[in-house]
Amino acid sequence: MRTGELGHWWRSLGGAQPSHPPLRGAHEADVAIVGGGLTGLWSAYHLARAEPSLRIVLLEGELLGFGASGRNGGWVSGFFSGPARSYERHGGRGAYLALQREMFATVGQIIEAVEQHGIEADLVHGGVLTAALGQAQAANLREEVLRAHALGLAEDDLRLLSACELAGRVRVLGASAGSFSPHVARVHPAKLVRGLARVVADLGVQIHEETRVTAIEPRLALSAGGRVAARWVIRATEGYTGALPGLRRALAPVNSSMIVTEPLSAAAWEEIGWDGCEALADGAHVYAYLQRTADGRIAIGGRGVPYRYGSRTNGRGTTPARTAAGLTERLHAMFPAARGTAIAHAWSGVLGVPRDWCVSVQADPRTGLAWAGGYVGEGVAASHLAARILRDLVLGRESELTALPWVGREPPRWEPEPLRWLGIRGLYSLYRAADRLEALSGRPSRLAGRLDALSGRA
């Protein structure tokens, strides 16, 4: 089993090499974008299409898609992080549902863009399944679906499945119930990044890789090799935001790890099913997320070592052996038919988590500083909507998008160390304890509810 590097997605494409030169010298632009992941690329895409005359410079510290955009589980999800009450408090009654409807539509818009530009990204719009493993997870799942319906989601948006209905789609050992939503698609993350980068470059955006921005100031992005003065500077750094001066406590870089199998045999797939290639999750509090890849593998991810002291990031994605072993055990428990298939690769990456778990988009015309992020691991689609909001804010357009409750939020800062380390590591330890208690008792854990309230997740 290989570990680290950029992960299986890039390895399946023969690796990743820079294709754009580092920044050298002083430059001027209308918009400078710091960060070459999906937020940065989609922002460049939407701005360039809306105003082709704009001079747009995109700066990436490593390679395009080096961070979560090229390491994720490949879910184009119409769902997003943060409790509904937080968005309603900021945007007023109905704000959460309006945002949710826009996110559902965003999945279709990404599919349209991929098809329009001929991006081969293994995209399948199959929806998402959640498999409740045991009675406690089934009760939690029923409560989750009821809450969603109370907020205004329809049965067609999210519905419960019986054990038999779930097994008709995918056979997960021990599943007692499930749920289904059509508002998710599967994608190969690195293929999406590479294809979108090609489109953005063709639109005239000036891209510089291996250009680590050391500071962002009003209308200025600074790096060791040069600087860009711009009317607008967009920060699209997500889990790597803490490396910038003054932003150590803005977003916590929380680690997520993945493994991927070698291709499964035809007999194994016959036993498992999963012909619709839906995204798949279990119902645990520390949940696992999976996809069936286009070449017949299973990729599964989840939290390993959730946080490193001082908001440090493990850039090369080395995965501890115990984390890979834990994910392998989870995979085999769900799909015994996969036991005979070797694990091909393990990797890790960081995602940006705000203190209140809510996404934010901001743009200040006084300073020319704008940013979007805090997706809590659901940024493949959320970055597209955030980028469209940034487009309208930067261009000074009032729209239905700029009225959404992501806009203008000021999330609270994380606690200083060692409180941040103790809090995040302790939170995930207690969630794991809640999962163990539920597996033993067969009943939902009160501990998990208290943790949701304490952390701000619910």
Protein backbone atom coordinates (compact mmCIF):
# COMPACT_ATOMS: atom_id res chain seq x y z
CA MET A 1 0.00 0.00 0.00
CA ARG A 2 1.31 3.43 -0.92
CA THR A 3 0.76 6.35 1.43
CA GLY A 4 1.04 10.12 1.24
CA GLU A 5 2.01 12.15 -1.81
CA LEU A 6 -1.07 13.77 -3.32
CA GLY A 7 -3.21 10.65 -3.08
CA HIS A 8 -4.82 8.19 -5.44
CA TRP A 9 -6.71 10.70 -7.58
CA TRP A 10 -3.55 12.37 -8.88
CA ARG A 11 -1.65 9.10 -9.03
CA SER A 12 -4.38 7.67 -11.29
CA LEU A 13 -3.59 10.49 -13.73
CA GLY A 14 0.11 9.73 -13.75
CA GLY A 15 0.99 12.24 -11.03
CA ALA A 16 0.80 16.00 -10.81
CA GLN A 17 3.39 18.42 -12.12
CA PRO A 18 3.25 22.22 -12.27
CA SER A 19 2.14 23.49 -15.66
CA HIS A 20 2.23 27.20 -14.88
CA PRO A 21 5.34 29.19 -13.89
CA PRO A 22 5.92 30.75 -10.47
CA LEU A 23 5.25 34.46 -10.06
CA ARG A 24 8.23 36.68 -10.67
CA GLY A 25 8.32 40.44 -10.18
CA ALA A 26 5.57 43.00 -9.67
CA HIS A 27 2.23 42.70 -11.46
CA GLU A 28 -1.05 44.58 -11.60
CA ALA A 29 -4.48 43.07 -12.00
CA ASP A 30 -8.14 43.73 -11.50
CA VAL A 31 -8.49 40.61 -9.35
CA ALA A 32 -5.83 38.54 -7.59
CA ILE A 33 -6.96 35.15 -6.32
CA VAL A 34 -4.91 33.43 -3.64
CA GLY A 35 -5.43 29.68 -3.70
CA GLY A 36 -5.65 27.30 -6.65
CA GLY A 37 -8.30 24.92 -5.38
CA LEU A 38 -11.93 24.81 -6.45
CA THR A 39 -12.88 28.09 -4.74
CA GLY A 40 -10.10 29.91 -6.56
CA LEU A 41 -10.66 28.18 -9.90
CA TRP A 42 -14.45 28.62 -9.86
CA SER A 43 -14.03 32.29 -8.83
CA ALA A 44 -11.69 32.86 -11.78
CA TYR A 45 -14.08 30.99 -14.08
CA HIS A 46 -17.19 32.96 -13.15
CA LEU A 47 -15.44 36.33 -13.11
CA ALA A 48 -13.77 35.76 -16.47
CA ARG A 49 -17.02 34.67 -18.08
CA ALA A 50 -18.96 37.57 -16.61
CA GLU A 51 -16.35 40.22 -17.53
CA PRO A 52 -13.87 38.92 -20.14
CA SER A 53 -11.87 42.17 -19.97
CA LEU A 54 -10.86 41.59 -16.35
CA ARG A 55 -7.18 40.98 -15.65
CA ILE A 56 -7.25 38.02 -13.28
CA VAL A 57 -4.16 36.52 -11.65
CA LEU A 58 -4.44 33.24 -9.71
CA LEU A 59 -1.66 32.31 -7.26
CA GLU A 60 -1.18 28.79 -5.88
CA GLY A 61 1.46 27.90 -3.30
CA GLU A 62 1.94 24.32 -4.53
CA LEU A 63 0.08 22.75 -7.47
CA LEU A 64 -3.46 23.47 -8.58
CA GLY A 65 -5.72 21.22 -6.52
CA PHE A 66 -2.94 20.42 -4.03
CA GLY A 67 -5.26 20.78 -1.01
CA ALA A 68 -8.70 19.40 -0.29
CA SER A 69 -9.86 20.05 -3.87
CA GLY A 70 -7.67 17.22 -5.14
CA ARG A 71 -7.81 14.91 -2.11
CA ASN A 72 -11.52 14.70 -1.23
CA GLY A 73 -14.04 11.88 -1.43
CA GLY A 74 -15.49 13.03 -4.75
CA TRP A 75 -18.93 14.10 -3.55
CA VAL A 76 -20.57 16.95 -5.46
CA SER A 77 -22.98 17.50 -2.60
CA GLY A 78 -25.97 19.80 -2.53
CA PHE A 79 -25.82 19.83 1.27
CA PHE A 80 -23.64 22.14 3.36
CA SER A 81 -22.39 22.59 6.89
CA GLY A 82 -23.75 24.61 9.79
CA PRO A 83 -27.01 24.53 11.77
CA ALA A 84 -30.09 26.04 10.18
CA ARG A 85 -30.70 28.33 13.17
CA SER A 86 -27.38 30.12 12.57
CA TYR A 87 -28.30 30.97 8.98
CA GLU A 88 -31.83 32.00 9.96
CA ARG A 89 -30.43 34.24 12.67
CA HIS A 90 -28.20 35.97 10.14
CA GLY A 91 -30.49 36.02 7.11
CA GLY A 92 -34.01 36.00 8.54
CA ARG A 93 -36.89 33.59 8.25
CA GLY A 94 -36.64 31.33 5.24
CA ALA A 95 -32.94 32.08 4.70
CA TYR A 96 -31.82 28.52 5.30
CA LEU A 97 -34.33 27.00 2.89
CA ALA A 98 -33.46 29.54 0.17
CA LEU A 99 -29.80 28.65 0.59
CA GLN A 100 -30.55 24.93 0.52
CA ARG A 101 -32.56 25.27 -2.70
CA GLU A 102 -29.69 27.20 -4.31
CA MET A 103 -27.24 24.51 -3.27
CA PHE A 104 -29.43 21.80 -4.76
CA ALA A 105 -29.48 23.75 -8.03
CA THR A 106 -25.70 24.15 -7.87
CA VAL A 107 -25.17 20.41 -8.36
CA GLY A 108 -26.94 20.67 -11.71
CA GLN A 109 -24.96 23.78 -12.66
CA ILE A 110 -21.67 21.98 -12.06
CA ILE A 111 -22.85 19.07 -14.21
CA GLU A 112 -23.80 21.52 -16.97
CA ALA A 113 -20.39 23.23 -16.82
CA VAL A 114 -18.56 19.89 -16.94
CA GLU A 115 -20.58 18.82 -19.98
CA GLN A 116 -20.34 22.21 -21.71
CA HIS A 117 -16.55 22.31 -21.51
CA GLY A 118 -15.93 18.63 -22.21
CA ILE A 119 -14.35 17.92 -18.83
CA GLU A 120 -13.96 14.15 -18.42
CA ALA A 121 -14.38 13.78 -14.67
CA ASP A 122 -16.16 10.42 -14.18
CA LEU A 123 -19.23 12.36 -13.05
CA VAL A 124 -22.36 10.34 -12.26
CA HIS A 125 -25.45 12.01 -10.83
CA GLY A 126 -26.59 9.08 -8.72
CA GLY A 127 -27.57 10.78 -5.46
CA VAL A 128 -26.42 9.82 -1.97
CA LEU A 129 -27.28 6.93 0.34
CA THR A 130 -26.81 6.80 4.09
CA ALA A 131 -26.72 3.35 5.63
CA ALA A 132 -27.76 3.09 9.28
CA LEU A 133 -25.72 0.32 10.89
CA GLY A 134 -27.78 -0.83 13.84
CA GLN A 135 -30.86 0.44 15.64
CA ALA A 136 -29.27 3.52 17.21
CA GLN A 137 -28.07 4.83 13.83
CA ALA A 138 -31.50 4.07 12.38
CA ALA A 139 -33.19 6.15 15.08
CA ASN A 140 -30.72 9.00 14.54
CA LEU A 141 -31.29 8.86 10.80
CA ARG A 142 -35.07 9.01 11.18
CA GLU A 143 -34.70 12.06 13.42
CA GLU A 144 -32.37 13.72 10.89
CA VAL A 145 -34.86 13.23 8.05
CA LEU A 146 -37.74 14.54 10.18
CA ARG A 147 -35.73 17.66 11.05
CA ALA A 148 -34.97 18.23 7.37
CA HIS A 149 -38.67 17.97 6.47
CA ALA A 150 -39.55 20.39 9.28
CA LEU A 151 -37.14 22.89 7.75
CA GLY A 152 -38.95 22.68 4.41
CA LEU A 153 -37.26 19.88 2.48
CA ALA A 154 -39.63 17.67 0.54
CA GLU A 155 -39.85 13.90 0.53
CA ASP A 156 -38.25 13.97 -2.92
CA ASP A 157 -35.27 15.86 -1.48
CA LEU A 158 -34.53 13.39 1.32
CA ARG A 159 -36.43 10.25 2.21
CA LEU A 160 -36.07 7.24 4.45
CA LEU A 161 -35.42 3.79 3.05
CA SER A 162 -36.24 0.46 4.60
CA ALA A 163 -33.48 -2.14 4.90
CA CYS A 164 -34.88 -3.87 1.81
CA GLU A 165 -35.01 -0.65 -0.21
CA LEU A 166 -31.42 0.13 0.71
CA ALA A 167 -30.30 -3.40 -0.18
CA GLY A 168 -31.90 -2.94 -3.59
CA ARG A 169 -29.31 -0.24 -4.25
CA VAL A 170 -26.30 -1.40 -2.20
CA ARG A 171 -25.88 -4.30 0.18
CA VAL A 172 -24.19 -3.05 3.36
CA LEU A 173 -23.72 -5.65 6.09
CA GLY A 174 -25.73 -4.83 9.21
CA ALA A 175 -27.73 -1.99 7.67
CA SER A 176 -31.16 -1.73 9.30
CA ALA A 177 -32.40 1.35 7.43
CA GLY A 178 -31.20 4.07 5.12
CA SER A 179 -31.94 7.37 3.47
CA PHE A 180 -31.63 8.72 -0.05
CA SER A 181 -31.28 12.15 -1.62
CA PRO A 182 -30.88 12.83 -5.33
CA HIS A 183 -28.87 16.02 -4.71
CA VAL A 184 -25.36 14.56 -4.87
CA ALA A 185 -23.12 13.41 -7.72
CA ARG A 186 -19.93 11.38 -7.82
CA VAL A 187 -16.79 12.85 -9.40
CA HIS A 188 -13.07 12.17 -9.80
CA PRO A 189 -11.67 15.21 -7.95
CA ALA A 190 -8.33 15.52 -9.74
CA LYS A 191 -9.96 15.20 -13.17
CA LEU A 192 -12.38 17.97 -12.22
CA VAL A 193 -9.55 20.25 -11.06
CA ARG A 194 -7.40 19.56 -14.12
CA GLY A 195 -10.28 20.11 -16.54
CA LEU A 196 -11.44 23.30 -14.82
CA ALA A 197 -7.86 24.64 -14.79
CA ARG A 198 -7.68 24.14 -18.54
CA VAL A 199 -10.92 26.03 -19.05
CA VAL A 200 -9.81 28.88 -16.78
CA ALA A 201 -6.48 29.22 -18.60
CA ASP A 202 -8.31 29.28 -21.94
CA LEU A 203 -10.43 32.16 -20.59
CA GLY A 204 -7.25 34.22 -20.23
CA VAL A 205 -6.64 33.90 -16.50
CA GLN A 206 -2.96 34.24 -15.58
CA ILE A 207 -2.03 31.28 -13.36
CA HIS A 208 1.10 30.88 -11.24
CA GLU A 209 1.84 27.67 -9.35
CA GLU A 210 4.57 27.18 -6.72
CA THR A 211 3.90 30.74 -5.58
CA ARG A 212 3.34 30.76 -1.85
CA VAL A 213 1.61 33.96 -0.79
CA THR A 214 3.17 35.13 2.46
CA ALA A 215 0.76 37.96 3.23
CA ILE A 216 -2.49 39.46 2.00
CA GLU A 217 -2.97 43.18 2.48
CA PRO A 218 -5.59 45.61 1.15
CA ARG A 219 -5.33 45.40 -2.65
CA LEU A 220 -2.04 43.49 -2.47
CA ALA A 221 -0.86 39.85 -2.47
CA LEU A 222 2.79 39.31 -1.50
CA SER A 223 5.03 36.31 -2.21
CA ALA A 224 8.76 35.66 -2.06
CA GLY A 225 9.05 35.87 -5.82
CA GLY A 226 6.84 38.86 -6.50
CA ARG A 227 3.69 40.75 -5.74
CA VAL A 228 0.32 41.46 -7.31
CA ALA A 229 -1.44 44.77 -6.81
CA ALA A 230 -5.15 44.43 -7.57
CA ARG A 231 -8.44 46.20 -7.04
CA TRP A 232 -9.65 43.00 -5.39
CA VAL A 233 -7.75 40.24 -3.59
CA ILE A 234 -9.76 37.05 -3.03
CA ARG A 235 -8.55 34.67 -0.33
CA ALA A 236 -9.45 31.11 -1.33
CA THR A 237 -7.11 29.22 1.00
CA GLU A 238 -9.58 27.12 3.06
CA GLY A 239 -7.70 24.67 5.32
CA TYR A 240 -4.39 26.46 4.73
CA THR A 241 -5.67 29.87 5.84
CA GLY A 242 -3.89 29.63 9.21
CA ALA A 243 -0.50 29.99 7.54
CA LEU A 244 -1.26 33.62 6.65
CA PRO A 245 -0.39 36.38 9.14
CA GLY A 246 -3.20 37.18 11.56
CA LEU A 247 -5.40 34.27 10.47
CA ARG A 248 -4.17 31.40 12.65
CA ARG A 249 -7.51 31.25 14.47
CA ALA A 250 -9.82 31.91 11.50
CA LEU A 251 -10.29 28.32 10.29
CA ALA A 252 -9.08 25.14 11.96
CA PRO A 253 -7.37 22.72 9.54
CA VAL A 254 -9.08 19.44 10.41
CA ASN A 255 -7.58 16.30 8.93
CA SER A 256 -9.47 13.73 6.93
CA SER A 257 -7.93 10.52 5.60
CA MET A 258 -8.80 8.15 2.77
CA ILE A 259 -7.90 4.75 1.43
CA VAL A 260 -8.75 3.19 -1.90
CA THR A 261 -8.79 -0.46 -2.91
CA GLU A 262 -7.48 -2.12 -5.99
CA PRO A 263 -10.31 -2.84 -8.47
CA LEU A 264 -12.78 -5.37 -7.06
CA SER A 265 -13.66 -8.55 -8.91
CA ALA A 266 -16.91 -8.97 -10.82
CA ALA A 267 -18.01 -11.49 -8.18
CA ALA A 268 -17.44 -8.97 -5.39
CA TRP A 269 -19.48 -6.34 -7.18
CA GLU A 270 -22.22 -8.88 -7.80
CA GLU A 271 -22.41 -9.40 -4.03
CA ILE A 272 -22.28 -5.68 -3.18
CA GLY A 273 -24.51 -4.22 -5.91
CA TRP A 274 -24.11 -0.43 -5.94
CA ASP A 275 -24.80 -0.23 -9.67
CA GLY A 276 -26.07 3.36 -9.39
CA CYS A 277 -22.69 4.64 -8.16
CA GLU A 278 -24.40 6.69 -5.45
CA ALA A 279 -22.24 8.45 -2.90
CA LEU A 280 -22.47 6.48 0.34
CA ALA A 281 -22.07 7.22 4.04
CA ASP A 282 -22.69 5.31 7.24
CA GLY A 283 -24.75 6.79 10.06
CA ALA A 284 -22.03 7.13 12.68
CA HIS A 285 -21.25 10.43 14.42
CA VAL A 286 -17.66 10.03 13.23
CA TYR A 287 -18.93 8.92 9.87
CA ALA A 288 -17.28 7.31 6.86
CA TYR A 289 -17.86 8.50 3.29
CA LEU A 290 -17.44 6.28 0.25
CA GLN A 291 -17.66 6.15 -3.51
CA ARG A 292 -17.54 3.44 -6.15
CA THR A 293 -14.95 4.69 -8.61
CA ALA A 294 -15.24 4.54 -12.38
CA ASP A 295 -12.55 1.83 -12.53
CA GLY A 296 -14.25 -0.44 -10.01
CA ARG A 297 -12.53 0.46 -6.73
CA ILE A 298 -13.99 1.56 -3.41
CA ALA A 299 -12.66 4.77 -1.88
CA ILE A 300 -13.50 5.36 1.78
CA GLY A 301 -12.60 8.26 4.02
CA GLY A 302 -13.07 9.48 7.56
CA ARG A 303 -11.39 11.29 10.42
CA GLY A 304 -8.06 9.91 11.54
CA VAL A 305 -5.89 12.21 13.65
CA PRO A 306 -8.35 15.11 13.52
CA TYR A 307 -6.11 18.06 14.36
CA ARG A 308 -2.43 18.91 14.81
CA TYR A 309 -1.28 21.36 17.45
CA GLY A 310 -0.94 24.96 16.30
CA SER A 311 -3.08 24.48 13.16
CA ARG A 312 -0.24 22.62 11.46
CA THR A 313 -0.98 20.89 8.17
CA ASN A 314 0.51 17.67 6.82
CA GLY A 315 1.08 18.87 3.29
CA ARG A 316 2.32 15.58 1.84
CA GLY A 317 -0.64 13.63 3.15
CA THR A 318 1.17 10.88 5.06
CA THR A 319 -1.42 8.72 6.81
CA PRO A 320 -0.71 6.95 10.12
CA ALA A 321 -0.88 3.16 9.85
CA ARG A 322 -3.56 2.99 12.55
CA THR A 323 -5.77 5.38 10.57
CA ALA A 324 -5.44 3.30 7.39
CA ALA A 325 -6.12 0.17 9.42
CA GLY A 326 -9.24 1.73 10.97
CA LEU A 327 -10.63 2.70 7.58
CA THR A 328 -9.86 -0.77 6.22
CA GLU A 329 -11.70 -2.33 9.15
CA ARG A 330 -14.71 -0.06 8.52
CA LEU A 331 -14.70 -0.98 4.82
CA HIS A 332 -14.56 -4.72 5.51
CA ALA A 333 -17.30 -4.46 8.14
CA MET A 334 -19.59 -2.80 5.61
CA PHE A 335 -18.54 -4.92 2.62
CA PRO A 336 -17.10 -8.35 3.50
CA ALA A 337 -16.76 -9.02 -0.23
CA ALA A 338 -13.93 -6.45 -0.31
CA ARG A 339 -11.77 -8.43 2.13
CA GLY A 340 -9.91 -10.20 -0.64
CA THR A 341 -8.98 -6.96 -2.40
CA ALA A 342 -5.77 -5.17 -1.48
CA ILE A 343 -5.66 -1.55 -0.34
CA ALA A 344 -3.80 0.41 -3.01
CA HIS A 345 -3.22 3.81 -1.44
CA ALA A 346 -3.81 5.87 1.70
CA TRP A 347 -3.63 9.66 1.91
CA SER A 348 -4.76 12.59 4.04
CA GLY A 349 -5.63 16.26 3.67
CA VAL A 350 -7.04 19.16 5.63
CA LEU A 351 -10.40 20.90 5.42
CA GLY A 352 -11.27 24.31 6.80
CA VAL A 353 -13.58 24.34 9.82
CA PRO A 354 -14.90 27.63 11.26
CA ARG A 355 -15.70 27.88 14.95
CA ASP A 356 -19.45 27.96 14.26
CA TRP A 357 -19.34 25.31 11.47
CA CYS A 358 -20.96 27.75 8.99
CA VAL A 359 -19.78 28.76 5.52
CA SER A 360 -18.99 32.45 4.99
CA VAL A 361 -18.52 34.68 1.94
CA GLN A 362 -17.33 38.26 2.33
CA ALA A 363 -16.15 41.15 0.16
CA ASP A 364 -15.19 44.58 1.51
CA PRO A 365 -15.04 47.29 -1.18
CA ARG A 366 -13.19 49.61 1.22
CA THR A 367 -10.15 47.33 1.40
CA GLY A 368 -10.62 45.25 -1.73
CA LEU A 369 -10.37 42.08 0.36
CA ALA A 370 -12.73 39.18 -0.24
CA TRP A 371 -12.85 35.56 0.86
CA ALA A 372 -14.96 32.42 0.95
CA GLY A 373 -14.62 29.20 2.87
CA GLY A 374 -15.37 27.14 5.93
CA TYR A 375 -17.00 24.30 4.00
CA VAL A 376 -16.25 21.62 6.64
CA GLY A 377 -15.49 19.05 3.95
CA GLU A 378 -18.45 19.76 1.69
CA GLY A 379 -16.75 22.24 -0.61
CA VAL A 380 -16.80 20.52 -4.00
CA ALA A 381 -20.20 22.01 -4.79
CA ALA A 382 -20.31 24.74 -2.12
CA SER A 383 -17.21 26.34 -3.66
CA HIS A 384 -19.12 26.80 -6.92
CA LEU A 385 -21.94 28.69 -5.22
CA ALA A 386 -19.47 30.69 -3.11
CA ALA A 387 -17.59 31.66 -6.27
CA ARG A 388 -20.76 32.88 -7.95
CA ILE A 389 -21.51 34.97 -4.87
CA LEU A 390 -17.97 36.40 -4.94
CA ARG A 391 -18.42 37.24 -8.62
CA ASP A 392 -21.50 39.32 -7.88
CA LEU A 393 -19.94 41.00 -4.85
CA VAL A 394 -16.72 41.88 -6.67
CA LEU A 395 -18.62 43.22 -9.68
CA GLY A 396 -20.94 45.23 -7.43
CA ARG A 397 -24.06 43.37 -8.45
CA GLU A 398 -26.99 42.94 -6.09
CA SER A 399 -28.61 39.59 -6.76
CA GLU A 400 -30.52 36.77 -5.13
CA LEU A 401 -27.14 35.21 -4.43
CA THR A 402 -25.76 38.19 -2.51
CA ALA A 403 -28.85 38.06 -0.27
CA LEU A 404 -28.11 34.48 0.84
CA PRO A 405 -27.14 34.05 4.51
CA TRP A 406 -23.56 32.98 3.74
CA VAL A 407 -22.85 36.59 2.79
CA GLY A 408 -21.34 39.07 5.23
CA ARG A 409 -21.09 36.66 8.14
CA GLU A 410 -18.24 37.15 10.60
CA PRO A 411 -17.57 33.74 12.16
CA PRO A 412 -16.10 33.71 15.67
CA ARG A 413 -12.39 32.97 16.02
CA TRP A 414 -11.14 29.69 17.38
CA GLU A 415 -9.75 29.57 20.88
CA PRO A 416 -5.98 30.00 21.27
CA GLU A 417 -3.76 26.99 21.91
CA PRO A 418 -3.75 24.73 23.82
CA LEU A 419 -7.53 25.15 24.12
CA ARG A 420 -8.04 24.67 20.38
CA TRP A 421 -6.08 21.41 20.34
CA LEU A 422 -7.77 20.11 23.49
CA GLY A 423 -11.23 21.07 22.25
CA ILE A 424 -11.02 19.55 18.76
CA ARG A 425 -9.21 16.38 19.78
CA GLY A 426 -11.51 15.95 22.77
CA LEU A 427 -14.62 16.52 20.68
CA TYR A 428 -13.79 13.74 18.23
CA SER A 429 -12.74 11.39 21.03
CA LEU A 430 -16.13 11.88 22.68
CA TYR A 431 -17.99 11.41 19.38
CA ARG A 432 -16.18 8.09 18.97
CA ALA A 433 -17.20 7.18 22.50
CA ALA A 434 -20.81 8.01 21.59
CA ASP A 435 -20.58 5.70 18.57
CA ARG A 436 -19.29 2.89 20.78
CA LEU A 437 -22.06 3.43 23.33
CA GLU A 438 -24.71 3.38 20.60
CA ALA A 439 -23.32 0.17 19.12
CA LEU A 440 -23.46 -1.51 22.53
CA SER A 441 -26.85 -0.22 23.68
CA GLY A 442 -28.75 0.03 20.39
CA ARG A 443 -30.08 3.41 21.53
CA PRO A 444 -29.18 6.99 20.49
CA SER A 445 -26.60 8.57 22.76
CA ARG A 446 -27.43 11.66 24.80
CA LEU A 447 -23.71 12.41 24.77
CA ALA A 448 -23.77 13.01 21.01
CA GLY A 449 -26.60 15.52 21.31
CA ARG A 450 -24.78 17.41 24.03
CA LEU A 451 -21.62 17.47 21.92
CA ASP A 452 -23.56 18.85 18.93
CA ALA A 453 -24.92 21.67 21.09
CA LEU A 454 -21.58 22.39 22.75
CA SER A 455 -19.58 22.47 19.51
CA GLY A 456 -22.17 24.47 17.54
CA ARG A 457 -22.79 21.71 14.99
CA ALA A 458 -26.54 21.67 15.73
